[in-house]
N, C-alpha and C. Protein backbone atom coordinates (compact mmCIF):
# COMPACT_ATOMS: atom_id res chain seq x y z
N MET A 1 2.68 34.66 -54.18
CA MET A 1 1.77 33.53 -54.08
C MET A 1 2.59 32.31 -53.66
N GLY A 2 2.09 31.60 -52.67
CA GLY A 2 2.74 30.39 -52.21
C GLY A 2 2.52 29.24 -53.18
N ILE A 3 3.29 28.20 -53.00
CA ILE A 3 3.22 27.06 -53.92
C ILE A 3 1.86 26.38 -53.86
N LYS A 4 1.29 26.26 -52.67
CA LYS A 4 0.00 25.58 -52.56
C LYS A 4 -1.09 26.38 -53.27
N GLN A 5 -1.06 27.70 -53.13
CA GLN A 5 -2.02 28.55 -53.85
C GLN A 5 -1.83 28.42 -55.36
N TYR A 6 -0.57 28.39 -55.77
CA TYR A 6 -0.27 28.24 -57.19
C TYR A 6 -0.85 26.95 -57.74
N LEU A 7 -0.62 25.84 -57.00
CA LEU A 7 -1.10 24.55 -57.47
C LEU A 7 -2.63 24.46 -57.44
N LYS A 8 -3.25 25.12 -56.48
CA LYS A 8 -4.71 25.06 -56.36
C LYS A 8 -5.44 25.84 -57.46
N GLN A 9 -4.73 26.70 -58.15
CA GLN A 9 -5.35 27.47 -59.23
C GLN A 9 -6.02 26.56 -60.26
N ALA A 10 -5.38 25.46 -60.56
CA ALA A 10 -5.91 24.54 -61.58
C ALA A 10 -7.25 23.96 -61.13
N PHE A 11 -7.36 23.60 -59.83
CA PHE A 11 -8.63 23.10 -59.31
C PHE A 11 -9.74 24.13 -59.52
N THR A 12 -9.42 25.37 -59.17
CA THR A 12 -10.41 26.44 -59.26
C THR A 12 -10.87 26.65 -60.70
N ILE A 13 -9.93 26.70 -61.61
CA ILE A 13 -10.28 26.90 -63.02
C ILE A 13 -11.09 25.71 -63.53
N ASP A 14 -10.69 24.50 -63.16
CA ASP A 14 -11.42 23.31 -63.59
C ASP A 14 -12.87 23.34 -63.08
N ARG A 15 -13.06 23.70 -61.82
CA ARG A 15 -14.42 23.77 -61.28
C ARG A 15 -15.24 24.85 -61.97
N LEU A 16 -14.59 25.97 -62.28
CA LEU A 16 -15.27 27.05 -62.98
C LEU A 16 -15.71 26.60 -64.37
N ILE A 17 -14.86 25.87 -65.06
CA ILE A 17 -15.21 25.34 -66.38
C ILE A 17 -16.41 24.41 -66.27
N LYS A 18 -16.40 23.53 -65.27
CA LYS A 18 -17.52 22.61 -65.09
C LYS A 18 -18.81 23.36 -64.80
N ALA A 19 -18.73 24.40 -63.99
CA ALA A 19 -19.93 25.20 -63.68
C ALA A 19 -20.45 25.89 -64.93
N LYS A 20 -19.56 26.40 -65.74
CA LYS A 20 -19.98 27.07 -66.97
C LYS A 20 -20.55 26.09 -67.98
N LYS A 21 -20.04 24.86 -67.99
CA LYS A 21 -20.60 23.85 -68.89
C LYS A 21 -22.03 23.50 -68.48
N ILE A 22 -22.30 23.50 -67.20
CA ILE A 22 -23.68 23.29 -66.74
C ILE A 22 -24.56 24.44 -67.21
N ARG A 23 -24.04 25.65 -67.14
CA ARG A 23 -24.79 26.83 -67.63
C ARG A 23 -25.04 26.70 -69.14
N ILE A 24 -24.06 26.24 -69.88
CA ILE A 24 -24.22 26.07 -71.33
C ILE A 24 -25.34 25.08 -71.61
N GLN A 25 -25.35 23.97 -70.89
CA GLN A 25 -26.41 22.99 -71.10
C GLN A 25 -27.78 23.58 -70.77
N TYR A 26 -27.85 24.35 -69.69
CA TYR A 26 -29.10 25.00 -69.32
C TYR A 26 -29.57 25.93 -70.44
N LEU A 27 -28.66 26.72 -70.98
CA LEU A 27 -29.03 27.65 -72.06
C LEU A 27 -29.45 26.90 -73.32
N ARG A 28 -28.79 25.80 -73.61
CA ARG A 28 -29.20 24.98 -74.77
C ARG A 28 -30.61 24.42 -74.56
N ASP A 29 -30.89 23.99 -73.35
CA ASP A 29 -32.23 23.49 -73.03
C ASP A 29 -33.27 24.60 -73.19
N GLN A 30 -32.92 25.80 -72.77
CA GLN A 30 -33.82 26.94 -72.91
C GLN A 30 -34.07 27.25 -74.38
N LEU A 31 -33.03 27.16 -75.20
CA LEU A 31 -33.19 27.38 -76.65
C LEU A 31 -34.14 26.37 -77.27
N GLU A 32 -33.99 25.11 -76.87
CA GLU A 32 -34.91 24.08 -77.37
C GLU A 32 -36.35 24.41 -77.00
N MET A 33 -36.53 24.83 -75.78
CA MET A 33 -37.87 25.16 -75.31
C MET A 33 -38.43 26.37 -76.08
N LEU A 34 -37.59 27.38 -76.25
CA LEU A 34 -38.05 28.57 -76.97
C LEU A 34 -38.35 28.26 -78.44
N ASN A 35 -37.54 27.40 -79.04
CA ASN A 35 -37.77 27.02 -80.43
C ASN A 35 -39.06 26.23 -80.60
N SER A 36 -39.43 25.50 -79.57
CA SER A 36 -40.64 24.69 -79.68
C SER A 36 -41.92 25.50 -79.47
N LEU A 37 -41.78 26.70 -78.93
CA LEU A 37 -42.95 27.55 -78.75
C LEU A 37 -43.47 28.03 -80.10
N ASN A 38 -44.74 28.22 -80.18
CA ASN A 38 -45.33 28.78 -81.40
C ASN A 38 -45.03 30.27 -81.41
N MET A 39 -44.23 30.71 -82.35
CA MET A 39 -43.81 32.10 -82.40
C MET A 39 -44.95 33.04 -82.78
N ASN A 40 -46.03 32.52 -83.33
CA ASN A 40 -47.16 33.37 -83.69
C ASN A 40 -48.05 33.69 -82.51
N THR A 41 -47.90 32.98 -81.43
CA THR A 41 -48.71 33.23 -80.26
C THR A 41 -48.19 34.45 -79.54
N LYS A 42 -49.07 35.39 -79.31
CA LYS A 42 -48.66 36.60 -78.59
C LYS A 42 -48.72 36.32 -77.10
N VAL A 43 -47.62 36.63 -76.45
CA VAL A 43 -47.54 36.47 -75.01
C VAL A 43 -47.18 37.81 -74.44
N GLN A 44 -47.95 38.26 -73.48
CA GLN A 44 -47.65 39.53 -72.87
C GLN A 44 -46.55 39.32 -71.84
N ALA A 45 -45.46 40.02 -72.02
CA ALA A 45 -44.34 39.86 -71.09
C ALA A 45 -43.60 41.18 -70.98
N ASN A 46 -43.03 41.38 -69.85
CA ASN A 46 -42.18 42.55 -69.66
C ASN A 46 -40.75 42.16 -69.99
N GLY A 47 -39.92 43.13 -70.27
CA GLY A 47 -38.51 42.83 -70.54
C GLY A 47 -38.24 42.71 -72.02
N SER A 48 -37.25 41.95 -72.35
CA SER A 48 -36.79 41.81 -73.72
C SER A 48 -37.85 41.16 -74.60
N LYS A 49 -37.90 41.62 -75.83
CA LYS A 49 -38.85 41.06 -76.78
C LYS A 49 -38.22 39.94 -77.60
N ASP A 50 -36.93 39.79 -77.48
CA ASP A 50 -36.23 38.76 -78.24
C ASP A 50 -35.55 37.78 -77.30
N ARG A 51 -36.34 36.96 -76.64
CA ARG A 51 -35.78 36.00 -75.68
C ARG A 51 -34.86 35.01 -76.36
N LEU A 52 -35.21 34.61 -77.58
CA LEU A 52 -34.39 33.67 -78.32
C LEU A 52 -33.02 34.27 -78.61
N GLY A 53 -33.01 35.49 -79.10
CA GLY A 53 -31.75 36.18 -79.40
C GLY A 53 -30.91 36.42 -78.16
N ASP A 54 -31.57 36.81 -77.08
CA ASP A 54 -30.85 37.02 -75.82
C ASP A 54 -30.22 35.73 -75.31
N THR A 55 -30.96 34.64 -75.42
CA THR A 55 -30.45 33.35 -74.95
C THR A 55 -29.28 32.90 -75.82
N VAL A 56 -29.39 33.09 -77.12
CA VAL A 56 -28.28 32.74 -78.02
C VAL A 56 -27.05 33.57 -77.68
N ALA A 57 -27.23 34.85 -77.41
CA ALA A 57 -26.10 35.72 -77.05
C ALA A 57 -25.44 35.25 -75.76
N MET A 58 -26.25 34.89 -74.76
CA MET A 58 -25.69 34.39 -73.51
C MET A 58 -24.93 33.09 -73.74
N LEU A 59 -25.48 32.23 -74.57
CA LEU A 59 -24.84 30.95 -74.87
C LEU A 59 -23.49 31.17 -75.55
N VAL A 60 -23.46 32.03 -76.54
CA VAL A 60 -22.22 32.31 -77.26
C VAL A 60 -21.17 32.91 -76.32
N ASP A 61 -21.58 33.84 -75.47
CA ASP A 61 -20.65 34.46 -74.51
C ASP A 61 -20.11 33.43 -73.52
N THR A 62 -20.96 32.55 -73.05
CA THR A 62 -20.54 31.55 -72.08
C THR A 62 -19.59 30.55 -72.72
N ILE A 63 -19.87 30.15 -73.95
CA ILE A 63 -18.97 29.24 -74.67
C ILE A 63 -17.60 29.90 -74.86
N ALA A 64 -17.58 31.18 -75.21
CA ALA A 64 -16.31 31.90 -75.38
C ALA A 64 -15.55 31.96 -74.05
N ASP A 65 -16.27 32.17 -72.95
CA ASP A 65 -15.63 32.18 -71.63
C ASP A 65 -15.00 30.84 -71.31
N VAL A 66 -15.72 29.76 -71.60
CA VAL A 66 -15.20 28.41 -71.34
C VAL A 66 -13.95 28.16 -72.18
N GLU A 67 -13.97 28.56 -73.42
CA GLU A 67 -12.80 28.37 -74.28
C GLU A 67 -11.58 29.10 -73.73
N LYS A 68 -11.77 30.33 -73.22
CA LYS A 68 -10.68 31.08 -72.60
C LYS A 68 -10.18 30.37 -71.35
N ASP A 69 -11.13 29.90 -70.53
CA ASP A 69 -10.75 29.20 -69.30
C ASP A 69 -9.98 27.91 -69.60
N ILE A 70 -10.40 27.20 -70.63
CA ILE A 70 -9.71 25.96 -71.00
C ILE A 70 -8.29 26.27 -71.45
N ALA A 71 -8.13 27.31 -72.26
CA ALA A 71 -6.78 27.70 -72.70
C ALA A 71 -5.91 28.08 -71.51
N LYS A 72 -6.49 28.80 -70.56
CA LYS A 72 -5.76 29.20 -69.35
C LYS A 72 -5.37 27.96 -68.54
N LEU A 73 -6.29 27.02 -68.39
CA LEU A 73 -6.02 25.79 -67.63
C LEU A 73 -4.94 24.96 -68.30
N VAL A 74 -5.00 24.82 -69.61
CA VAL A 74 -4.00 24.03 -70.34
C VAL A 74 -2.61 24.65 -70.15
N GLN A 75 -2.52 25.97 -70.25
CA GLN A 75 -1.22 26.63 -70.07
C GLN A 75 -0.72 26.48 -68.64
N LEU A 76 -1.61 26.65 -67.67
CA LEU A 76 -1.23 26.49 -66.28
C LEU A 76 -0.75 25.07 -66.00
N GLN A 77 -1.46 24.08 -66.52
CA GLN A 77 -1.05 22.69 -66.31
C GLN A 77 0.29 22.39 -66.99
N ARG A 78 0.52 23.00 -68.12
CA ARG A 78 1.82 22.83 -68.80
C ARG A 78 2.93 23.40 -67.92
N ASP A 79 2.71 24.59 -67.37
CA ASP A 79 3.70 25.22 -66.49
C ASP A 79 3.90 24.40 -65.22
N MET A 80 2.79 23.90 -64.66
CA MET A 80 2.88 23.09 -63.45
C MET A 80 3.61 21.78 -63.73
N SER A 81 3.36 21.17 -64.86
CA SER A 81 4.05 19.92 -65.23
C SER A 81 5.55 20.15 -65.33
N ASP A 82 5.94 21.27 -65.92
CA ASP A 82 7.36 21.61 -66.02
C ASP A 82 7.97 21.79 -64.64
N LEU A 83 7.23 22.41 -63.74
CA LEU A 83 7.69 22.62 -62.38
C LEU A 83 7.82 21.29 -61.64
N ILE A 84 6.80 20.46 -61.75
CA ILE A 84 6.80 19.15 -61.08
C ILE A 84 7.95 18.28 -61.61
N ALA A 85 8.26 18.40 -62.87
CA ALA A 85 9.34 17.59 -63.47
C ALA A 85 10.69 17.88 -62.82
N ASN A 86 10.83 19.03 -62.18
CA ASN A 86 12.09 19.38 -61.52
C ASN A 86 12.22 18.83 -60.10
N VAL A 87 11.18 18.19 -59.59
CA VAL A 87 11.27 17.53 -58.29
C VAL A 87 12.06 16.24 -58.49
N GLU A 88 13.05 16.03 -57.65
CA GLU A 88 13.97 14.90 -57.85
C GLU A 88 13.33 13.53 -57.66
N ARG A 89 12.62 13.34 -56.57
CA ARG A 89 12.08 12.02 -56.26
C ARG A 89 10.84 11.70 -57.10
N GLY A 90 10.86 10.53 -57.71
CA GLY A 90 9.75 10.12 -58.56
C GLY A 90 8.44 9.94 -57.83
N ASP A 91 8.48 9.41 -56.60
CA ASP A 91 7.24 9.20 -55.86
C ASP A 91 6.58 10.53 -55.49
N LEU A 92 7.40 11.55 -55.23
CA LEU A 92 6.85 12.88 -54.93
C LEU A 92 6.28 13.53 -56.18
N ARG A 93 6.99 13.36 -57.29
CA ARG A 93 6.47 13.88 -58.57
C ARG A 93 5.12 13.25 -58.89
N LEU A 94 5.01 11.94 -58.66
CA LEU A 94 3.78 11.23 -58.97
C LEU A 94 2.60 11.76 -58.15
N VAL A 95 2.82 11.95 -56.86
CA VAL A 95 1.75 12.47 -55.99
C VAL A 95 1.31 13.85 -56.47
N LEU A 96 2.27 14.72 -56.76
CA LEU A 96 1.94 16.06 -57.24
C LEU A 96 1.19 16.03 -58.56
N TYR A 97 1.68 15.19 -59.46
CA TYR A 97 1.05 15.11 -60.78
C TYR A 97 -0.37 14.56 -60.68
N GLU A 98 -0.55 13.50 -59.92
CA GLU A 98 -1.88 12.90 -59.80
C GLU A 98 -2.87 13.87 -59.16
N ARG A 99 -2.41 14.60 -58.16
CA ARG A 99 -3.32 15.50 -57.45
C ARG A 99 -3.59 16.78 -58.23
N TYR A 100 -2.57 17.44 -58.71
CA TYR A 100 -2.73 18.79 -59.26
C TYR A 100 -2.87 18.86 -60.78
N ILE A 101 -2.52 17.80 -61.46
CA ILE A 101 -2.70 17.78 -62.92
C ILE A 101 -3.91 16.91 -63.28
N ASN A 102 -4.00 15.72 -62.65
CA ASN A 102 -5.10 14.81 -62.95
C ASN A 102 -6.31 14.99 -62.04
N PHE A 103 -6.18 15.84 -61.03
CA PHE A 103 -7.27 16.16 -60.09
C PHE A 103 -7.83 14.92 -59.39
N LYS A 104 -6.97 13.97 -59.09
CA LYS A 104 -7.44 12.76 -58.41
C LYS A 104 -7.68 13.03 -56.94
N LYS A 105 -8.61 12.29 -56.37
CA LYS A 105 -8.88 12.37 -54.94
C LYS A 105 -7.76 11.64 -54.20
N TRP A 106 -7.55 12.04 -52.95
CA TRP A 106 -6.50 11.43 -52.14
C TRP A 106 -6.67 9.91 -52.05
N GLU A 107 -7.89 9.49 -51.84
CA GLU A 107 -8.16 8.06 -51.69
C GLU A 107 -7.76 7.29 -52.95
N ASP A 108 -8.06 7.86 -54.10
CA ASP A 108 -7.72 7.21 -55.37
C ASP A 108 -6.21 7.15 -55.59
N ILE A 109 -5.53 8.22 -55.21
CA ILE A 109 -4.06 8.22 -55.34
C ILE A 109 -3.47 7.12 -54.46
N ALA A 110 -3.99 7.02 -53.25
CA ALA A 110 -3.49 6.00 -52.31
C ALA A 110 -3.72 4.59 -52.86
N VAL A 111 -4.92 4.31 -53.31
CA VAL A 111 -5.25 2.98 -53.82
C VAL A 111 -4.43 2.66 -55.07
N ASP A 112 -4.35 3.61 -55.99
CA ASP A 112 -3.63 3.38 -57.25
C ASP A 112 -2.15 3.09 -57.03
N ASN A 113 -1.60 3.60 -55.92
CA ASN A 113 -0.17 3.46 -55.68
C ASN A 113 0.17 2.55 -54.50
N ASN A 114 -0.85 1.84 -54.01
CA ASN A 114 -0.67 0.89 -52.91
C ASN A 114 -0.08 1.53 -51.65
N TYR A 115 -0.59 2.72 -51.31
CA TYR A 115 -0.21 3.40 -50.09
C TYR A 115 -1.44 3.56 -49.20
N SER A 116 -1.19 3.76 -47.92
CA SER A 116 -2.30 4.13 -47.04
C SER A 116 -2.55 5.63 -47.23
N LEU A 117 -3.69 6.07 -46.80
CA LEU A 117 -4.02 7.48 -46.91
C LEU A 117 -3.04 8.34 -46.11
N ASP A 118 -2.67 7.85 -44.93
CA ASP A 118 -1.69 8.58 -44.10
C ASP A 118 -0.36 8.72 -44.84
N ASN A 119 0.07 7.65 -45.50
CA ASN A 119 1.33 7.72 -46.26
C ASN A 119 1.25 8.71 -47.41
N ILE A 120 0.11 8.77 -48.06
CA ILE A 120 -0.06 9.72 -49.16
C ILE A 120 0.03 11.15 -48.64
N PHE A 121 -0.58 11.41 -47.49
CA PHE A 121 -0.51 12.75 -46.90
C PHE A 121 0.93 13.11 -46.52
N LYS A 122 1.67 12.15 -45.99
CA LYS A 122 3.08 12.40 -45.65
C LYS A 122 3.89 12.67 -46.91
N LEU A 123 3.67 11.85 -47.93
CA LEU A 123 4.36 12.08 -49.21
C LEU A 123 4.00 13.43 -49.80
N HIS A 124 2.74 13.79 -49.69
CA HIS A 124 2.30 15.08 -50.21
C HIS A 124 3.01 16.23 -49.49
N GLY A 125 3.14 16.11 -48.18
CA GLY A 125 3.86 17.14 -47.41
C GLY A 125 5.30 17.27 -47.88
N ARG A 126 5.95 16.14 -48.08
CA ARG A 126 7.33 16.15 -48.59
C ARG A 126 7.38 16.71 -50.01
N ALA A 127 6.39 16.34 -50.80
CA ALA A 127 6.34 16.82 -52.19
C ALA A 127 6.17 18.34 -52.23
N LEU A 128 5.34 18.88 -51.33
CA LEU A 128 5.17 20.33 -51.28
C LEU A 128 6.47 21.03 -50.88
N GLN A 129 7.19 20.43 -49.95
CA GLN A 129 8.48 21.02 -49.56
C GLN A 129 9.46 20.99 -50.73
N ALA A 130 9.49 19.88 -51.45
CA ALA A 130 10.41 19.74 -52.58
C ALA A 130 10.06 20.71 -53.70
N ILE A 131 8.77 20.83 -54.01
CA ILE A 131 8.39 21.71 -55.12
C ILE A 131 8.50 23.18 -54.72
N GLU A 132 8.37 23.46 -53.43
CA GLU A 132 8.56 24.83 -52.93
C GLU A 132 10.00 25.28 -53.20
N LYS A 133 10.94 24.39 -52.99
CA LYS A 133 12.35 24.72 -53.27
C LYS A 133 12.55 25.04 -54.75
N VAL A 134 11.96 24.21 -55.60
CA VAL A 134 12.07 24.42 -57.05
C VAL A 134 11.40 25.73 -57.43
N TYR A 135 10.22 25.95 -56.90
CA TYR A 135 9.42 27.15 -57.21
C TYR A 135 10.15 28.42 -56.78
N SER A 136 10.73 28.40 -55.58
CA SER A 136 11.42 29.60 -55.07
C SER A 136 12.66 29.91 -55.88
N LYS A 137 13.34 28.90 -56.41
CA LYS A 137 14.51 29.13 -57.26
C LYS A 137 14.12 29.83 -58.57
N LEU A 138 12.92 29.53 -59.06
CA LEU A 138 12.47 30.10 -60.34
C LEU A 138 11.90 31.51 -60.20
N GLN A 139 11.59 31.90 -58.97
CA GLN A 139 10.98 33.23 -58.75
C GLN A 139 12.00 34.33 -58.75
């Protein structure tokens, strides 16, 4: 795996966590709706007879998945931080950290550090070269 793929893993996991959190909220909303229904009313439906139980099971499973993903993300970010710390130049470390640990947009990194967007991209290219050297030594 190349360095850029390695660093992008955190973005992917973070987006997956966000997507699952949306699913959790949806399932919680469904539970509220199901709880508000009159359970004595007979409704003819095909499929599962315990919609409430099924929804609770899906919610619990999704929460467990998110917890695993968060633990994976935290460990990956810890490893990435250790890797970034081995880059010699502070400005390159900062760009890597802001982008791959804090998930900042390029524009925000540029503004926060008083650089133009073009300069941030140039620094990022240099930062990738520097961290690639560190990464290859550790492999």
